[in-house]
Amino acid sequence: MIKTVIAMALSLLCSWALALELNQADVSELQNLKGVGPKTAEQIVAARKSQRFNDWGDFQARVKGIGPGKASALSKQGLTVGGKPYSPAQAQKAATAKSK
């Protein structure tokens, strides 16, 4: 029982430590993510300077080259937007609302 509780606590701690919030990450932190090079990291930071990213749909709409596949891969590495992992349905809803 105690081993289970300790394992769960460590698991939560590790997942929290791996999380990287898009609206707070700097260029070097972003470049540590697989699939994000110097150019993309700079684009993300530049887009964020004008306004924070509201959600994954906003992120995909404002940064060239970030589609559903890339967003999913980044989320699996611990990237969050507004503290939330990528959700295809939520991102699609946000993108549809912005296009109206």
PDB file of N, CA and C in Angstrom:
ATOM      1  N   MET A   1       0.821  -1.202   0.000  1.00  0.00           N
ATOM      2  CA  MET A   1       0.000   0.000   0.000  1.00  0.00           C
ATOM      3  C   MET A   1       0.862   1.262   0.000  1.00  0.00           C
ATOM      4  N   ILE A   2       1.822   1.326   0.904  1.00  0.00           N
ATOM      5  CA  ILE A   2       2.660   2.523   0.985  1.00  0.00           C
ATOM      6  C   ILE A   2       3.511   2.676  -0.274  1.00  0.00           C
ATOM      7  N   LYS A   3       3.943   1.534  -0.842  1.00  0.00           N
ATOM      8  CA  LYS A   3       4.721   1.604  -2.082  1.00  0.00           C
ATOM      9  C   LYS A   3       3.876   2.177  -3.221  1.00  0.00           C
ATOM     10  N   THR A   4       2.614   1.827  -3.251  1.00  0.00           N
ATOM     11  CA  THR A   4       1.712   2.332  -4.278  1.00  0.00           C
ATOM     12  C   THR A   4       1.533   3.835  -4.142  1.00  0.00           C
ATOM     13  N   VAL A   5       1.350   4.308  -2.935  1.00  0.00           N
ATOM     14  CA  VAL A   5       1.176   5.745  -2.685  1.00  0.00           C
ATOM     15  C   VAL A   5       2.438   6.503  -3.061  1.00  0.00           C
ATOM     16  N   ILE A   6       3.581   5.970  -2.702  1.00  0.00           N
ATOM     17  CA  ILE A   6       4.852   6.620  -3.046  1.00  0.00           C
ATOM     18  C   ILE A   6       5.041   6.650  -4.562  1.00  0.00           C
ATOM     19  N   ALA A   7       4.730   5.556  -5.229  1.00  0.00           N
ATOM     20  CA  ALA A   7       4.862   5.497  -6.686  1.00  0.00           C
ATOM     21  C   ALA A   7       3.954   6.505  -7.361  1.00  0.00           C
ATOM     22  N   MET A   8       2.720   6.629  -6.870  1.00  0.00           N
ATOM     23  CA  MET A   8       1.789   7.600  -7.444  1.00  0.00           C
ATOM     24  C   MET A   8       2.281   9.028  -7.218  1.00  0.00           C
ATOM     25  N   ALA A   9       2.787   9.305  -6.035  1.00  0.00           N
ATOM     26  CA  ALA A   9       3.297  10.645  -5.737  1.00  0.00           C
ATOM     27  C   ALA A   9       4.485  10.985  -6.630  1.00  0.00           C
ATOM     28  N   LEU A  10       5.389  10.036  -6.805  1.00  0.00           N
ATOM     29  CA  LEU A  10       6.540  10.267  -7.677  1.00  0.00           C
ATOM     30  C   LEU A  10       6.121  10.458  -9.130  1.00  0.00           C
ATOM     31  N   SER A  11       5.141   9.718  -9.549  1.00  0.00           N
ATOM     32  CA  SER A  11       4.631   9.848 -10.909  1.00  0.00           C
ATOM     33  C   SER A  11       4.054  11.244 -11.148  1.00  0.00           C
ATOM     34  N   LEU A  12       3.266  11.721 -10.209  1.00  0.00           N
ATOM     35  CA  LEU A  12       2.695  13.069 -10.327  1.00  0.00           C
ATOM     36  C   LEU A  12       3.783  14.130 -10.320  1.00  0.00           C
ATOM     37  N   LEU A  13       4.765  13.963  -9.456  1.00  0.00           N
ATOM     38  CA  LEU A  13       5.857  14.919  -9.366  1.00  0.00           C
ATOM     39  C   LEU A  13       6.647  14.959 -10.668  1.00  0.00           C
ATOM     40  N   CYS A  14       6.925  13.787 -11.232  1.00  0.00           N
ATOM     41  CA  CYS A  14       7.675  13.731 -12.490  1.00  0.00           C
ATOM     42  C   CYS A  14       6.892  14.357 -13.640  1.00  0.00           C
ATOM     43  N   SER A  15       5.608  14.088 -13.721  1.00  0.00           N
ATOM     44  CA  SER A  15       4.812  14.661 -14.805  1.00  0.00           C
ATOM     45  C   SER A  15       4.733  16.171 -14.667  1.00  0.00           C
ATOM     46  N   TRP A  16       4.679  16.667 -13.444  1.00  0.00           N
ATOM     47  CA  TRP A  16       4.662  18.116 -13.234  1.00  0.00           C
ATOM     48  C   TRP A  16       5.993  18.720 -13.634  1.00  0.00           C
ATOM     49  N   ALA A  17       7.084  18.042 -13.287  1.00  0.00           N
ATOM     50  CA  ALA A  17       8.418  18.556 -13.589  1.00  0.00           C
ATOM     51  C   ALA A  17       8.669  18.588 -15.096  1.00  0.00           C
ATOM     52  N   LEU A  18       8.038  17.706 -15.854  1.00  0.00           N
ATOM     53  CA  LEU A  18       8.238  17.648 -17.293  1.00  0.00           C
ATOM     54  C   LEU A  18       7.368  18.636 -18.057  1.00  0.00           C
ATOM     55  N   ALA A  19       6.368  19.198 -17.412  1.00  0.00           N
ATOM     56  CA  ALA A  19       5.462  20.127 -18.090  1.00  0.00           C
ATOM     57  C   ALA A  19       6.195  21.420 -18.434  1.00  0.00           C
ATOM     58  N   LEU A  20       5.914  21.934 -19.605  1.00  0.00           N
ATOM     59  CA  LEU A  20       6.492  23.190 -20.075  1.00  0.00           C
ATOM     60  C   LEU A  20       5.356  24.034 -20.627  1.00  0.00           C
ATOM     61  N   GLU A  21       5.104  25.161 -20.000  1.00  0.00           N
ATOM     62  CA  GLU A  21       4.018  26.046 -20.422  1.00  0.00           C
ATOM     63  C   GLU A  21       4.500  26.918 -21.577  1.00  0.00           C
ATOM     64  N   LEU A  22       3.781  26.854 -22.687  1.00  0.00           N
ATOM     65  CA  LEU A  22       4.141  27.588 -23.902  1.00  0.00           C
ATOM     66  C   LEU A  22       4.239  29.095 -23.668  1.00  0.00           C
ATOM     67  N   ASN A  23       3.359  29.632 -22.852  1.00  0.00           N
ATOM     68  CA  ASN A  23       3.340  31.078 -22.622  1.00  0.00           C
ATOM     69  C   ASN A  23       4.444  31.554 -21.686  1.00  0.00           C
ATOM     70  N   GLN A  24       5.233  30.639 -21.151  1.00  0.00           N
ATOM     71  CA  GLN A  24       6.326  31.031 -20.260  1.00  0.00           C
ATOM     72  C   GLN A  24       7.688  30.530 -20.722  1.00  0.00           C
ATOM     73  N   ALA A  25       7.711  29.617 -21.664  1.00  0.00           N
ATOM     74  CA  ALA A  25       8.957  29.007 -22.110  1.00  0.00           C
ATOM     75  C   ALA A  25       9.810  29.988 -22.908  1.00  0.00           C
ATOM     76  N   ASP A  26      11.126  29.913 -22.702  1.00  0.00           N
ATOM     77  CA  ASP A  26      12.018  30.755 -23.496  1.00  0.00           C
ATOM     78  C   ASP A  26      12.510  29.952 -24.705  1.00  0.00           C
ATOM     79  N   VAL A  27      13.286  30.605 -25.547  1.00  0.00           N
ATOM     80  CA  VAL A  27      13.736  29.996 -26.801  1.00  0.00           C
ATOM     81  C   VAL A  27      14.500  28.698 -26.538  1.00  0.00           C
ATOM     82  N   SER A  28      15.407  28.700 -25.577  1.00  0.00           N
ATOM     83  CA  SER A  28      16.204  27.494 -25.332  1.00  0.00           C
ATOM     84  C   SER A  28      15.346  26.343 -24.808  1.00  0.00           C
ATOM     85  N   GLU A  29      14.366  26.632 -23.974  1.00  0.00           N
ATOM     86  CA  GLU A  29      13.469  25.583 -23.481  1.00  0.00           C
ATOM     87  C   GLU A  29      12.652  24.994 -24.631  1.00  0.00           C
ATOM     88  N   LEU A  30      12.191  25.846 -25.525  1.00  0.00           N
ATOM     89  CA  LEU A  30      11.415  25.377 -26.670  1.00  0.00           C
ATOM     90  C   LEU A  30      12.269  24.520 -27.605  1.00  0.00           C
ATOM     91  N   GLN A  31      13.529  24.908 -27.788  1.00  0.00           N
ATOM     92  CA  GLN A  31      14.420  24.157 -28.669  1.00  0.00           C
ATOM     93  C   GLN A  31      14.752  22.776 -28.104  1.00  0.00           C
ATOM     94  N   ASN A  32      14.569  22.578 -26.821  1.00  0.00           N
ATOM     95  CA  ASN A  32      14.806  21.267 -26.218  1.00  0.00           C
ATOM     96  C   ASN A  32      13.716  20.263 -26.584  1.00  0.00           C
ATOM     97  N   LEU A  33      12.615  20.753 -27.121  1.00  0.00           N
ATOM     98  CA  LEU A  33      11.540  19.869 -27.553  1.00  0.00           C
ATOM     99  C   LEU A  33      11.892  19.291 -28.924  1.00  0.00           C
ATOM    100  N   LYS A  34      11.709  17.994 -29.076  1.00  0.00           N
ATOM    101  CA  LYS A  34      11.963  17.351 -30.358  1.00  0.00           C
ATOM    102  C   LYS A  34      10.989  17.915 -31.391  1.00  0.00           C
ATOM    103  N   GLY A  35      11.517  18.398 -32.511  1.00  0.00           N
ATOM    104  CA  GLY A  35      10.682  18.951 -33.562  1.00  0.00           C
ATOM    105  C   GLY A  35      10.617  20.469 -33.564  1.00  0.00           C
ATOM    106  N   VAL A  36      11.256  21.103 -32.576  1.00  0.00           N
ATOM    107  CA  VAL A  36      11.283  22.564 -32.528  1.00  0.00           C
ATOM    108  C   VAL A  36      12.733  23.010 -32.676  1.00  0.00           C
ATOM    109  N   GLY A  37      13.008  23.639 -33.796  1.00  0.00           N
ATOM    110  CA  GLY A  37      14.349  24.158 -34.046  1.00  0.00           C
ATOM    111  C   GLY A  37      14.423  25.635 -33.706  1.00  0.00           C
ATOM    112  N   PRO A  38      15.564  26.247 -33.978  1.00  0.00           N
ATOM    113  CA  PRO A  38      15.754  27.665 -33.659  1.00  0.00           C
ATOM    114  C   PRO A  38      14.726  28.589 -34.324  1.00  0.00           C
ATOM    115  N   LYS A  39      14.425  28.317 -35.587  1.00  0.00           N
ATOM    116  CA  LYS A  39      13.491  29.178 -36.321  1.00  0.00           C
ATOM    117  C   LYS A  39      12.082  29.103 -35.726  1.00  0.00           C
ATOM    118  N   THR A  40      11.606  27.895 -35.468  1.00  0.00           N
ATOM    119  CA  THR A  40      10.262  27.728 -34.891  1.00  0.00           C
ATOM    120  C   THR A  40      10.199  28.318 -33.497  1.00  0.00           C
ATOM    121  N   ALA A  41      11.240  28.099 -32.699  1.00  0.00           N
ATOM    122  CA  ALA A  41      11.265  28.655 -31.339  1.00  0.00           C
ATOM    123  C   ALA A  41      11.185  30.179 -31.377  1.00  0.00           C
ATOM    124  N   GLU A  42      11.912  30.788 -32.292  1.00  0.00           N
ATOM    125  CA  GLU A  42      11.875  32.252 -32.440  1.00  0.00           C
ATOM    126  C   GLU A  42      10.490  32.720 -32.891  1.00  0.00           C
ATOM    127  N   GLN A  43       9.865  31.973 -33.827  1.00  0.00           N
ATOM    128  CA  GLN A  43       8.516  32.330 -34.284  1.00  0.00           C
ATOM    129  C   GLN A  43       7.521  32.281 -33.127  1.00  0.00           C
ATOM    130  N   ILE A  44       7.645  31.271 -32.283  1.00  0.00           N
ATOM    131  CA  ILE A  44       6.733  31.129 -31.149  1.00  0.00           C
ATOM    132  C   ILE A  44       6.881  32.309 -30.202  1.00  0.00           C
ATOM    133  N   VAL A  45       8.103  32.638 -29.855  1.00  0.00           N
ATOM    134  CA  VAL A  45       8.343  33.744 -28.918  1.00  0.00           C
ATOM    135  C   VAL A  45       7.895  35.068 -29.530  1.00  0.00           C
ATOM    136  N   ALA A  46       8.153  35.265 -30.823  1.00  0.00           N
ATOM    137  CA  ALA A  46       7.735  36.508 -31.488  1.00  0.00           C
ATOM    138  C   ALA A  46       6.210  36.628 -31.511  1.00  0.00           C
ATOM    139  N   ALA A  47       5.517  35.537 -31.818  1.00  0.00           N
ATOM    140  CA  ALA A  47       4.046  35.565 -31.846  1.00  0.00           C
ATOM    141  C   ALA A  47       3.484  35.816 -30.452  1.00  0.00           C
ATOM    142  N   ARG A  48       4.140  35.290 -29.453  1.00  0.00           N
ATOM    143  CA  ARG A  48       3.676  35.447 -28.072  1.00  0.00           C
ATOM    144  C   ARG A  48       3.876  36.874 -27.556  1.00  0.00           C
ATOM    145  N   LYS A  49       4.849  37.598 -28.115  1.00  0.00           N
ATOM    146  CA  LYS A  49       5.101  38.977 -27.656  1.00  0.00           C
ATOM    147  C   LYS A  49       3.896  39.880 -27.898  1.00  0.00           C
ATOM    148  N   SER A  50       3.188  39.659 -28.997  1.00  0.00           N
ATOM    149  CA  SER A  50       2.024  40.490 -29.290  1.00  0.00           C
ATOM    150  C   SER A  50       0.843  40.135 -28.399  1.00  0.00           C
ATOM    151  N   GLN A  51       0.725  38.846 -28.083  1.00  0.00           N
ATOM    152  CA  GLN A  51      -0.380  38.379 -27.223  1.00  0.00           C
ATOM    153  C   GLN A  51      -0.099  36.936 -26.825  1.00  0.00           C
ATOM    154  N   ARG A  52      -0.395  36.609 -25.566  1.00  0.00           N
ATOM    155  CA  ARG A  52      -0.238  35.224 -25.103  1.00  0.00           C
ATOM    156  C   ARG A  52      -1.134  34.306 -25.925  1.00  0.00           C
ATOM    157  N   PHE A  53      -0.759  33.043 -26.005  1.00  0.00           N
ATOM    158  CA  PHE A  53      -1.579  32.051 -26.704  1.00  0.00           C
ATOM    159  C   PHE A  53      -2.742  31.668 -25.798  1.00  0.00           C
ATOM    160  N   ASN A  54      -3.959  31.740 -26.325  1.00  0.00           N
ATOM    161  CA  ASN A  54      -5.150  31.432 -25.540  1.00  0.00           C
ATOM    162  C   ASN A  54      -5.362  29.931 -25.371  1.00  0.00           C
ATOM    163  N   ASP A  55      -5.058  29.171 -26.434  1.00  0.00           N
ATOM    164  CA  ASP A  55      -5.289  27.732 -26.426  1.00  0.00           C
ATOM    165  C   ASP A  55      -4.500  27.118 -27.576  1.00  0.00           C
ATOM    166  N   TRP A  56      -4.616  25.810 -27.732  1.00  0.00           N
ATOM    167  CA  TRP A  56      -3.879  25.123 -28.785  1.00  0.00           C
ATOM    168  C   TRP A  56      -4.313  25.577 -30.178  1.00  0.00           C
ATOM    169  N   GLY A  57      -5.586  25.853 -30.357  1.00  0.00           N
ATOM    170  CA  GLY A  57      -6.068  26.333 -31.652  1.00  0.00           C
ATOM    171  C   GLY A  57      -5.439  27.671 -32.012  1.00  0.00           C
ATOM    172  N   ASP A  58      -5.333  28.551 -31.043  1.00  0.00           N
ATOM    173  CA  ASP A  58      -4.699  29.855 -31.237  1.00  0.00           C
ATOM    174  C   ASP A  58      -3.224  29.668 -31.604  1.00  0.00           C
ATOM    175  N   PHE A  59      -2.557  28.780 -30.901  1.00  0.00           N
ATOM    176  CA  PHE A  59      -1.149  28.473 -31.171  1.00  0.00           C
ATOM    177  C   PHE A  59      -0.976  27.979 -32.604  1.00  0.00           C
ATOM    178  N   GLN A  60      -1.807  27.036 -33.029  1.00  0.00           N
ATOM    179  CA  GLN A  60      -1.710  26.482 -34.383  1.00  0.00           C
ATOM    180  C   GLN A  60      -1.998  27.534 -35.449  1.00  0.00           C
ATOM    181  N   ALA A  61      -2.932  28.424 -35.156  1.00  0.00           N
ATOM    182  CA  ALA A  61      -3.301  29.450 -36.129  1.00  0.00           C
ATOM    183  C   ALA A  61      -2.214  30.510 -36.293  1.00  0.00           C
ATOM    184  N   ARG A  62      -1.469  30.777 -35.239  1.00  0.00           N
ATOM    185  CA  ARG A  62      -0.502  31.883 -35.265  1.00  0.00           C
ATOM    186  C   ARG A  62       0.936  31.493 -35.560  1.00  0.00           C
ATOM    187  N   VAL A  63       1.263  30.209 -35.471  1.00  0.00           N
ATOM    188  CA  VAL A  63       2.642  29.784 -35.723  1.00  0.00           C
ATOM    189  C   VAL A  63       2.667  28.823 -36.906  1.00  0.00           C
ATOM    190  N   LYS A  64       3.323  29.252 -37.969  1.00  0.00           N
ATOM    191  CA  LYS A  64       3.415  28.458 -39.194  1.00  0.00           C
ATOM    192  C   LYS A  64       4.113  27.133 -38.903  1.00  0.00           C
ATOM    193  N   GLY A  65       3.538  26.053 -39.446  1.00  0.00           N
ATOM    194  CA  GLY A  65       4.143  24.739 -39.303  1.00  0.00           C
ATOM    195  C   GLY A  65       3.651  23.938 -38.112  1.00  0.00           C
ATOM    196  N   ILE A  66       2.766  24.526 -37.308  1.00  0.00           N
ATOM    197  CA  ILE A  66       2.216  23.796 -36.169  1.00  0.00           C
ATOM    198  C   ILE A  66       0.806  23.337 -36.525  1.00  0.00           C
ATOM    199  N   GLY A  67       0.695  22.084 -36.862  1.00  0.00           N
ATOM    200  CA  GLY A  67      -0.597  21.492 -37.176  1.00  0.00           C
ATOM    201  C   GLY A  67      -0.971  20.495 -36.096  1.00  0.00           C
ATOM    202  N   PRO A  68      -2.030  19.746 -36.317  1.00  0.00           N
ATOM    203  CA  PRO A  68      -2.471  18.782 -35.309  1.00  0.00           C
ATOM    204  C   PRO A  68      -1.413  17.740 -34.939  1.00  0.00           C
ATOM    205  N   GLY A  69      -0.686  17.232 -35.920  1.00  0.00           N
ATOM    206  CA  GLY A  69       0.335  16.218 -35.639  1.00  0.00           C
ATOM    207  C   GLY A  69       1.458  16.758 -34.781  1.00  0.00           C
ATOM    208  N   LYS A  70       1.947  17.928 -35.146  1.00  0.00           N
ATOM    209  CA  LYS A  70       3.042  18.548 -34.390  1.00  0.00           C
ATOM    210  C   LYS A  70       2.562  18.944 -33.000  1.00  0.00           C
ATOM    211  N   ALA A  71       1.350  19.479 -32.906  1.00  0.00           N
ATOM    212  CA  ALA A  71       0.803  19.871 -31.605  1.00  0.00           C
ATOM    213  C   ALA A  71       0.689  18.652 -30.687  1.00  0.00           C
ATOM    214  N   SER A  72       0.215  17.548 -31.230  1.00  0.00           N
ATOM    215  CA  SER A  72       0.093  16.319 -30.442  1.00  0.00           C
ATOM    216  C   SER A  72       1.462  15.836 -29.965  1.00  0.00           C
ATOM    217  N   ALA A  73       2.447  15.858 -30.850  1.00  0.00           N
ATOM    218  CA  ALA A  73       3.797  15.418 -30.496  1.00  0.00           C
ATOM    219  C   ALA A  73       4.403  16.312 -29.417  1.00  0.00           C
ATOM    220  N   LEU A  74       4.198  17.619 -29.522  1.00  0.00           N
ATOM    221  CA  LEU A  74       4.727  18.545 -28.519  1.00  0.00           C
ATOM    222  C   LEU A  74       4.045  18.339 -27.175  1.00  0.00           C
ATOM    223  N   SER A  75       2.748  18.113 -27.207  1.00  0.00           N
ATOM    224  CA  SER A  75       2.007  17.873 -25.979  1.00  0.00           C
ATOM    225  C   SER A  75       2.492  16.601 -25.280  1.00  0.00           C
ATOM    226  N   LYS A  76       2.773  15.570 -26.062  1.00  0.00           N
ATOM    227  CA  LYS A  76       3.272  14.316 -25.485  1.00  0.00           C
ATOM    228  C   LYS A  76       4.625  14.491 -24.812  1.00  0.00           C
ATOM    229  N   GLN A  77       5.350  15.537 -25.221  1.00  0.00           N
ATOM    230  CA  GLN A  77       6.641  15.837 -24.597  1.00  0.00           C
ATOM    231  C   GLN A  77       6.487  16.710 -23.354  1.00  0.00           C
ATOM    232  N   GLY A  78       5.261  17.116 -23.053  1.00  0.00           N
ATOM    233  CA  GLY A  78       5.014  17.898 -21.849  1.00  0.00           C
ATOM    234  C   GLY A  78       4.620  19.342 -22.082  1.00  0.00           C
ATOM    235  N   LEU A  79       4.518  19.777 -23.334  1.00  0.00           N
ATOM    236  CA  LEU A  79       4.139  21.158 -23.610  1.00  0.00           C
ATOM    237  C   LEU A  79       2.654  21.368 -23.318  1.00  0.00           C
ATOM    238  N   THR A  80       2.341  22.467 -22.658  1.00  0.00           N
ATOM    239  CA  THR A  80       0.951  22.828 -22.388  1.00  0.00           C
ATOM    240  C   THR A  80       0.700  24.259 -22.863  1.00  0.00           C
ATOM    241  N   VAL A  81      -0.557  24.547 -23.137  1.00  0.00           N
ATOM    242  CA  VAL A  81      -0.979  25.911 -23.460  1.00  0.00           C
ATOM    243  C   VAL A  81      -2.080  26.249 -22.464  1.00  0.00           C
ATOM    244  N   GLY A  82      -1.843  27.257 -21.661  1.00  0.00           N
ATOM    245  CA  GLY A  82      -2.805  27.594 -20.616  1.00  0.00           C
ATOM    246  C   GLY A  82      -2.934  26.467 -19.598  1.00  0.00           C
ATOM    247  N   GLY A  83      -1.859  25.704 -19.418  1.00  0.00           N
ATOM    248  CA  GLY A  83      -1.857  24.608 -18.465  1.00  0.00           C
ATOM    249  C   GLY A  83      -2.543  23.346 -18.944  1.00  0.00           C
ATOM    250  N   LYS A  84      -2.963  23.319 -20.213  1.00  0.00           N
ATOM    251  CA  LYS A  84      -3.707  22.168 -20.730  1.00  0.00           C
ATOM    252  C   LYS A  84      -2.926  21.460 -21.830  1.00  0.00           C
ATOM    253  N   PRO A  85      -2.974  20.133 -21.835  1.00  0.00           N
ATOM    254  CA  PRO A  85      -2.356  19.386 -22.936  1.00  0.00           C
ATOM    255  C   PRO A  85      -3.205  19.511 -24.193  1.00  0.00           C
ATOM    256  N   TYR A  86      -2.635  19.098 -25.303  1.00  0.00           N
ATOM    257  CA  TYR A  86      -3.338  19.184 -26.584  1.00  0.00           C
ATOM    258  C   TYR A  86      -4.533  18.249 -26.624  1.00  0.00           C
ATOM    259  N   SER A  87      -5.634  18.771 -27.128  1.00  0.00           N
ATOM    260  CA  SER A  87      -6.838  17.992 -27.358  1.00  0.00           C
ATOM    261  C   SER A  87      -7.323  18.333 -28.761  1.00  0.00           C
ATOM    262  N   PRO A  88      -7.294  17.387 -29.689  1.00  0.00           N
ATOM    263  CA  PRO A  88      -7.693  17.687 -31.071  1.00  0.00           C
ATOM    264  C   PRO A  88      -9.085  18.302 -31.170  1.00  0.00           C
ATOM    265  N   ALA A  89     -10.034  17.806 -30.406  1.00  0.00           N
ATOM    266  CA  ALA A  89     -11.407  18.328 -30.476  1.00  0.00           C
ATOM    267  C   ALA A  89     -11.456  19.772 -30.001  1.00  0.00           C
ATOM    268  N   GLN A  90     -10.760  20.073 -28.934  1.00  0.00           N
ATOM    269  CA  GLN A  90     -10.754  21.433 -28.390  1.00  0.00           C
ATOM    270  C   GLN A  90     -10.060  22.399 -29.353  1.00  0.00           C
ATOM    271  N   ALA A  91      -8.955  21.972 -29.949  1.00  0.00           N
ATOM    272  CA  ALA A  91      -8.234  22.819 -30.893  1.00  0.00           C
ATOM    273  C   ALA A  91      -9.071  23.077 -32.136  1.00  0.00           C
ATOM    274  N   GLN A  92      -9.788  22.065 -32.616  1.00  0.00           N
ATOM    275  CA  GLN A  92     -10.642  22.227 -33.785  1.00  0.00           C
ATOM    276  C   GLN A  92     -11.768  23.202 -33.493  1.00  0.00           C
ATOM    277  N   LYS A  93     -12.359  23.109 -32.303  1.00  0.00           N
ATOM    278  CA  LYS A  93     -13.439  24.012 -31.909  1.00  0.00           C
ATOM    279  C   LYS A  93     -12.954  25.450 -31.872  1.00  0.00           C
ATOM    280  N   ALA A  94     -11.751  25.675 -31.322  1.00  0.00           N
ATOM    281  CA  ALA A  94     -11.194  27.018 -31.242  1.00  0.00           C
ATOM    282  C   ALA A  94     -10.894  27.575 -32.628  1.00  0.00           C
ATOM    283  N   ALA A  95     -10.340  26.726 -33.511  1.00  0.00           N
ATOM    284  CA  ALA A  95     -10.011  27.170 -34.860  1.00  0.00           C
ATOM    285  C   ALA A  95     -11.291  27.502 -35.643  1.00  0.00           C
ATOM    286  N   THR A  96     -12.342  26.714 -35.472  1.00  0.00           N
ATOM    287  CA  THR A  96     -13.603  26.965 -36.156  1.00  0.00           C
ATOM    288  C   THR A  96     -14.231  28.264 -35.669  1.00  0.00           C
ATOM    289  N   ALA A  97     -14.176  28.527 -34.387  1.00  0.00           N
ATOM    290  CA  ALA A  97     -14.740  29.753 -33.831  1.00  0.00           C
ATOM    291  C   ALA A  97     -14.004  30.982 -34.344  1.00  0.00           C
ATOM    292  N   LYS A  98     -12.692  30.906 -34.540  1.00  0.00           N
ATOM    293  CA  LYS A  98     -11.912  32.039 -35.005  1.00  0.00           C
ATOM    294  C   LYS A  98     -12.151  32.341 -36.472  1.00  0.00           C
ATOM    295  N   SER A  99     -12.492  31.306 -37.246  1.00  0.00           N
ATOM    296  CA  SER A  99     -12.685  31.515 -38.679  1.00  0.00           C
ATOM    297  C   SER A  99     -14.050  32.106 -39.004  1.00  0.00           C
ATOM    298  N   LYS A 100     -14.949  32.131 -38.047  1.00  0.00           N
ATOM    299  CA  LYS A 100     -16.292  32.678 -38.277  1.00  0.00           C
ATOM    300  C   LYS A 100     -16.316  34.175 -38.161  1.00  0.00           C
TER     301      LYS A 100
END
